[in-house]
């Protein structure tokens, strides 16, 4: 059996996960000037943040975020790549850029 992957056009509206994400606890994110909200799923390149109204953040617009644990914080530039309203409410964020120091802090939050 040979697996053949279709070629993706640049215009495809398909979320491409750049890394593994998994459930997390104790992490928060303040996205686009909003109050801090729980991060419920995270990986080195993407995360999911619970928000009561996901529509407050526009899709595909680079936004500043602060990712926080009780002992650390990391600043990142993120894109909203997906919004969900059921069964959970929130946004999937792709980490677009981070300084090396912030990458180190984020990695330490994910792997304490």
N, C-alpha and C. Protein backbone atom coordinates (compact mmCIF):
# COMPACT_ATOMS: atom_id res chain seq x y z
N UNK A 1 0.85 -1.17 0.00
CA UNK A 1 0.00 0.00 0.00
C UNK A 1 0.89 1.23 0.00
N UNK A 2 0.58 2.18 -0.87
CA UNK A 2 1.33 3.42 -0.95
C UNK A 2 0.41 4.57 -0.59
N UNK A 3 0.84 5.38 0.33
CA UNK A 3 0.07 6.55 0.73
C UNK A 3 0.44 7.69 -0.20
N UNK A 4 -0.55 8.25 -0.87
CA UNK A 4 -0.31 9.37 -1.77
C UNK A 4 -0.99 10.59 -1.17
N UNK A 5 -0.19 11.60 -0.90
CA UNK A 5 -0.73 12.85 -0.34
C UNK A 5 -1.05 13.80 -1.47
N UNK A 6 -2.26 14.39 -1.47
CA UNK A 6 -2.57 15.36 -2.50
C UNK A 6 -1.71 16.59 -2.35
N UNK A 7 -1.39 17.20 -3.47
CA UNK A 7 -0.60 18.43 -3.41
C UNK A 7 -1.49 19.56 -2.92
N UNK A 8 -0.96 20.33 -1.99
CA UNK A 8 -1.73 21.43 -1.42
C UNK A 8 -1.45 22.71 -2.18
N UNK A 9 -2.50 23.40 -2.54
CA UNK A 9 -2.36 24.71 -3.14
C UNK A 9 -2.10 25.72 -2.03
N UNK A 10 -1.45 26.82 -2.37
CA UNK A 10 -1.18 27.85 -1.38
C UNK A 10 -2.47 28.48 -0.88
N UNK A 11 -3.56 28.38 -1.65
CA UNK A 11 -4.82 29.00 -1.27
C UNK A 11 -5.70 28.08 -0.43
N UNK A 12 -5.25 26.86 -0.12
CA UNK A 12 -6.06 25.94 0.68
C UNK A 12 -6.28 26.52 2.07
N UNK A 13 -7.52 26.41 2.55
CA UNK A 13 -7.85 26.84 3.90
C UNK A 13 -7.80 25.65 4.85
N UNK A 14 -6.66 25.03 4.94
CA UNK A 14 -6.47 23.86 5.78
C UNK A 14 -5.46 24.19 6.85
N UNK A 15 -5.83 23.89 8.09
CA UNK A 15 -4.90 24.12 9.20
C UNK A 15 -3.77 23.10 9.11
N UNK A 16 -2.55 23.58 9.08
CA UNK A 16 -1.37 22.71 9.05
C UNK A 16 -0.73 22.74 10.43
N UNK A 17 -0.80 21.65 11.13
CA UNK A 17 -0.19 21.60 12.46
C UNK A 17 1.30 21.40 12.30
N UNK A 18 2.07 22.33 12.83
CA UNK A 18 3.51 22.26 12.70
C UNK A 18 4.18 21.47 13.81
N UNK A 19 3.43 21.04 14.78
CA UNK A 19 4.01 20.30 15.89
C UNK A 19 2.92 19.62 16.68
N UNK A 20 3.32 18.77 17.59
CA UNK A 20 2.38 18.04 18.42
C UNK A 20 1.83 18.97 19.50
N UNK A 21 0.51 18.87 19.72
CA UNK A 21 -0.12 19.61 20.81
C UNK A 21 -0.77 18.60 21.74
N UNK A 22 -0.87 18.96 23.01
CA UNK A 22 -1.53 18.09 23.96
C UNK A 22 -2.14 18.88 25.09
N UNK A 23 -2.94 18.22 25.92
CA UNK A 23 -3.59 18.91 27.04
C UNK A 23 -2.57 19.47 28.02
N UNK A 24 -2.86 20.63 28.56
CA UNK A 24 -2.01 21.26 29.57
C UNK A 24 -2.89 21.86 30.66
N UNK A 25 -2.30 22.07 31.82
CA UNK A 25 -3.00 22.75 32.91
C UNK A 25 -2.07 23.81 33.50
N UNK A 26 -2.65 24.84 34.08
CA UNK A 26 -1.86 25.86 34.76
C UNK A 26 -1.24 26.92 33.88
N UNK A 27 -1.56 26.91 32.57
CA UNK A 27 -1.03 27.93 31.66
C UNK A 27 -2.14 28.87 31.25
N UNK A 28 -1.78 30.14 31.06
CA UNK A 28 -2.74 31.17 30.65
C UNK A 28 -2.15 31.95 29.48
N UNK A 29 -3.04 32.60 28.72
CA UNK A 29 -2.61 33.46 27.61
C UNK A 29 -3.44 34.72 27.60
N UNK A 30 -2.77 35.85 27.45
CA UNK A 30 -3.43 37.13 27.22
C UNK A 30 -3.19 37.45 25.75
N UNK A 31 -4.25 37.39 24.96
CA UNK A 31 -4.13 37.54 23.50
C UNK A 31 -4.78 38.84 23.06
N UNK A 32 -4.05 39.63 22.28
CA UNK A 32 -4.62 40.84 21.70
C UNK A 32 -5.18 41.82 22.70
N UNK A 33 -4.57 41.91 23.87
CA UNK A 33 -5.03 42.87 24.88
C UNK A 33 -6.20 42.38 25.71
N UNK A 34 -6.68 41.15 25.48
CA UNK A 34 -7.77 40.58 26.27
C UNK A 34 -7.24 40.11 27.62
N UNK A 35 -8.15 39.90 28.56
CA UNK A 35 -7.77 39.35 29.86
C UNK A 35 -7.20 37.95 29.67
N UNK A 36 -6.35 37.53 30.57
CA UNK A 36 -5.75 36.19 30.50
C UNK A 36 -6.83 35.12 30.54
N UNK A 37 -6.65 34.09 29.71
CA UNK A 37 -7.60 32.99 29.61
C UNK A 37 -6.81 31.67 29.62
N UNK A 38 -7.46 30.58 30.02
CA UNK A 38 -6.75 29.31 30.12
C UNK A 38 -6.29 28.75 28.76
N UNK A 39 -5.07 28.25 28.75
CA UNK A 39 -4.57 27.46 27.62
C UNK A 39 -4.91 26.02 27.96
N UNK A 40 -5.67 25.34 27.09
CA UNK A 40 -6.09 23.98 27.40
C UNK A 40 -5.35 22.92 26.59
N UNK A 41 -4.69 23.36 25.53
CA UNK A 41 -3.92 22.47 24.67
C UNK A 41 -2.73 23.27 24.17
N UNK A 42 -1.54 22.68 24.17
CA UNK A 42 -0.37 23.45 23.74
C UNK A 42 0.74 22.54 23.23
N UNK A 43 1.54 23.14 22.35
CA UNK A 43 2.74 22.52 21.82
C UNK A 43 3.73 23.64 21.54
N UNK A 44 4.87 23.29 20.97
CA UNK A 44 5.90 24.31 20.74
C UNK A 44 5.49 25.33 19.69
N UNK A 45 4.59 24.96 18.76
CA UNK A 45 4.23 25.87 17.67
C UNK A 45 2.79 26.33 17.67
N UNK A 46 1.93 25.74 18.49
CA UNK A 46 0.52 26.09 18.47
C UNK A 46 -0.12 25.83 19.83
N UNK A 47 -1.27 26.47 20.05
CA UNK A 47 -1.98 26.30 21.31
C UNK A 47 -3.47 26.58 21.11
N UNK A 48 -4.28 26.14 22.06
CA UNK A 48 -5.71 26.43 22.04
C UNK A 48 -6.04 27.14 23.34
N UNK A 49 -6.70 28.30 23.21
CA UNK A 49 -7.05 29.13 24.36
C UNK A 49 -8.56 29.19 24.48
N UNK A 50 -9.09 28.90 25.67
CA UNK A 50 -10.52 29.00 25.91
C UNK A 50 -10.91 30.48 25.97
N UNK A 51 -11.93 30.85 25.19
CA UNK A 51 -12.47 32.21 25.21
C UNK A 51 -13.98 32.13 25.18
N UNK A 52 -14.67 32.92 25.98
CA UNK A 52 -16.13 32.88 25.95
C UNK A 52 -16.70 33.34 24.60
N UNK A 53 -16.02 34.28 23.94
CA UNK A 53 -16.46 34.78 22.64
C UNK A 53 -15.29 34.76 21.66
N UNK A 54 -15.09 33.65 20.94
CA UNK A 54 -13.96 33.55 20.02
C UNK A 54 -13.97 34.61 18.91
N UNK A 55 -15.13 35.17 18.62
CA UNK A 55 -15.22 36.15 17.53
C UNK A 55 -14.59 37.50 17.86
N UNK A 56 -14.13 37.71 19.09
CA UNK A 56 -13.47 38.98 19.41
C UNK A 56 -12.10 39.07 18.76
N UNK A 57 -11.54 37.94 18.33
CA UNK A 57 -10.24 37.94 17.65
C UNK A 57 -10.44 37.56 16.18
N UNK A 58 -9.91 38.37 15.26
CA UNK A 58 -10.08 38.06 13.83
C UNK A 58 -9.17 36.92 13.38
N UNK A 59 -9.63 36.16 12.42
CA UNK A 59 -8.83 35.09 11.83
C UNK A 59 -7.70 35.66 11.00
N UNK A 60 -6.52 35.05 11.11
CA UNK A 60 -5.40 35.36 10.22
C UNK A 60 -4.74 36.70 10.40
N UNK A 61 -5.03 37.41 11.47
CA UNK A 61 -4.40 38.71 11.71
C UNK A 61 -3.34 38.52 12.80
N UNK A 62 -2.07 38.81 12.51
CA UNK A 62 -1.04 38.67 13.54
C UNK A 62 -1.37 39.50 14.78
N UNK A 63 -1.24 38.88 15.92
CA UNK A 63 -1.64 39.48 17.19
C UNK A 63 -0.58 39.19 18.23
N UNK A 64 -0.37 40.11 19.16
CA UNK A 64 0.56 39.88 20.25
C UNK A 64 -0.11 39.07 21.35
N UNK A 65 0.66 38.19 21.98
CA UNK A 65 0.15 37.39 23.08
C UNK A 65 1.23 37.25 24.14
N UNK A 66 0.77 37.11 25.37
CA UNK A 66 1.66 36.80 26.49
C UNK A 66 1.22 35.44 27.02
N UNK A 67 2.14 34.49 27.01
CA UNK A 67 1.88 33.14 27.48
C UNK A 67 2.47 33.02 28.87
N UNK A 68 1.67 32.52 29.84
CA UNK A 68 2.07 32.59 31.24
C UNK A 68 1.89 31.28 31.99
N UNK A 69 2.83 31.03 32.87
CA UNK A 69 2.70 29.98 33.88
C UNK A 69 2.86 30.69 35.21
N UNK A 70 2.68 29.99 36.32
CA UNK A 70 2.86 30.67 37.62
C UNK A 70 4.24 31.29 37.80
N UNK A 71 5.28 30.73 37.13
CA UNK A 71 6.65 31.21 37.36
C UNK A 71 7.30 31.88 36.16
N UNK A 72 6.70 31.75 34.97
CA UNK A 72 7.34 32.27 33.76
C UNK A 72 6.33 32.96 32.86
N UNK A 73 6.88 33.72 31.90
CA UNK A 73 6.05 34.29 30.85
C UNK A 73 6.86 34.41 29.58
N UNK A 74 6.15 34.34 28.45
CA UNK A 74 6.80 34.46 27.15
C UNK A 74 5.92 35.32 26.25
N UNK A 75 6.55 36.20 25.51
CA UNK A 75 5.84 37.04 24.55
C UNK A 75 5.94 36.39 23.18
N UNK A 76 4.82 36.42 22.45
CA UNK A 76 4.79 35.78 21.13
C UNK A 76 3.91 36.58 20.19
N UNK A 77 4.16 36.41 18.91
CA UNK A 77 3.28 36.92 17.86
C UNK A 77 2.54 35.69 17.37
N UNK A 78 1.20 35.75 17.35
CA UNK A 78 0.38 34.59 16.99
C UNK A 78 -0.63 34.96 15.92
N UNK A 79 -1.09 33.94 15.20
CA UNK A 79 -2.19 34.08 14.25
C UNK A 79 -3.34 33.21 14.74
N UNK A 80 -4.56 33.72 14.70
CA UNK A 80 -5.74 32.90 14.98
C UNK A 80 -5.99 32.06 13.73
N UNK A 81 -5.88 30.75 13.87
CA UNK A 81 -6.03 29.88 12.70
C UNK A 81 -7.35 29.12 12.71
N UNK A 82 -8.04 29.08 13.86
CA UNK A 82 -9.33 28.41 13.92
C UNK A 82 -10.10 28.92 15.13
N UNK A 83 -11.43 28.99 14.98
CA UNK A 83 -12.32 29.34 16.09
C UNK A 83 -13.28 28.18 16.32
N UNK A 84 -13.58 27.91 17.59
CA UNK A 84 -14.53 26.84 17.92
C UNK A 84 -15.57 27.38 18.88
N UNK A 85 -16.80 26.89 18.71
CA UNK A 85 -17.87 27.27 19.65
C UNK A 85 -18.51 26.05 20.30
N UNK A 86 -18.29 24.86 19.75
CA UNK A 86 -18.83 23.65 20.36
C UNK A 86 -17.94 22.48 19.99
N UNK A 87 -17.62 21.58 20.85
CA UNK A 87 -18.06 21.52 22.25
C UNK A 87 -17.29 22.46 23.17
N UNK A 88 -16.16 22.94 22.73
CA UNK A 88 -15.42 23.91 23.54
C UNK A 88 -15.45 25.25 22.82
N UNK A 89 -15.22 26.33 23.56
CA UNK A 89 -15.22 27.67 22.98
C UNK A 89 -13.82 28.26 23.09
N UNK A 90 -13.31 28.75 21.97
CA UNK A 90 -12.00 29.36 22.02
C UNK A 90 -11.36 29.46 20.65
N UNK A 91 -10.05 29.69 20.67
CA UNK A 91 -9.30 29.88 19.42
C UNK A 91 -8.04 29.04 19.41
N UNK A 92 -7.71 28.53 18.22
CA UNK A 92 -6.44 27.86 17.99
C UNK A 92 -5.47 28.92 17.47
N UNK A 93 -4.30 28.97 18.07
CA UNK A 93 -3.31 29.98 17.72
C UNK A 93 -2.04 29.31 17.20
N UNK A 94 -1.52 29.84 16.12
CA UNK A 94 -0.23 29.41 15.59
C UNK A 94 0.81 30.43 16.04
N UNK A 95 1.88 29.97 16.66
CA UNK A 95 2.95 30.87 17.09
C UNK A 95 3.77 31.22 15.86
N UNK A 96 3.74 32.50 15.48
CA UNK A 96 4.41 32.97 14.28
C UNK A 96 5.85 33.36 14.57
N UNK A 97 6.06 34.04 15.69
CA UNK A 97 7.42 34.44 16.04
C UNK A 97 7.56 34.60 17.55
N UNK A 98 8.81 34.39 17.99
CA UNK A 98 9.17 34.50 19.40
C UNK A 98 10.67 34.76 19.46
N UNK A 99 11.10 35.55 20.40
CA UNK A 99 12.54 35.74 20.57
C UNK A 99 13.13 34.44 21.11
N UNK A 100 14.45 34.25 20.96
CA UNK A 100 15.07 33.04 21.51
C UNK A 100 14.82 32.88 23.02
N UNK A 101 14.87 33.96 23.77
CA UNK A 101 14.63 33.88 25.21
C UNK A 101 13.19 33.47 25.51
N UNK A 102 12.24 34.00 24.72
CA UNK A 102 10.84 33.63 24.92
C UNK A 102 10.59 32.18 24.50
N UNK A 103 11.27 31.72 23.45
CA UNK A 103 11.16 30.30 23.05
C UNK A 103 11.63 29.40 24.18
N UNK A 104 12.72 29.78 24.83
CA UNK A 104 13.25 29.00 25.94
C UNK A 104 12.27 28.98 27.11
N UNK A 105 11.67 30.14 27.41
CA UNK A 105 10.70 30.22 28.50
C UNK A 105 9.46 29.38 28.18
N UNK A 106 8.96 29.45 26.94
CA UNK A 106 7.78 28.68 26.53
C UNK A 106 8.08 27.18 26.62
N UNK A 107 9.23 26.77 26.17
CA UNK A 107 9.62 25.36 26.24
C UNK A 107 9.66 24.90 27.70
N UNK A 108 10.19 25.74 28.59
CA UNK A 108 10.25 25.40 30.02
C UNK A 108 8.85 25.30 30.61
N UNK A 109 7.89 26.10 30.12
CA UNK A 109 6.52 26.01 30.61
C UNK A 109 5.88 24.70 30.17
N UNK A 110 6.19 24.27 28.94
CA UNK A 110 5.61 23.04 28.41
C UNK A 110 6.23 21.78 29.01
N UNK A 111 7.49 21.89 29.41
CA UNK A 111 8.23 20.74 29.92
C UNK A 111 8.90 21.11 31.24
N UNK A 112 8.08 21.31 32.29
CA UNK A 112 8.65 21.74 33.58
C UNK A 112 9.56 20.70 34.22
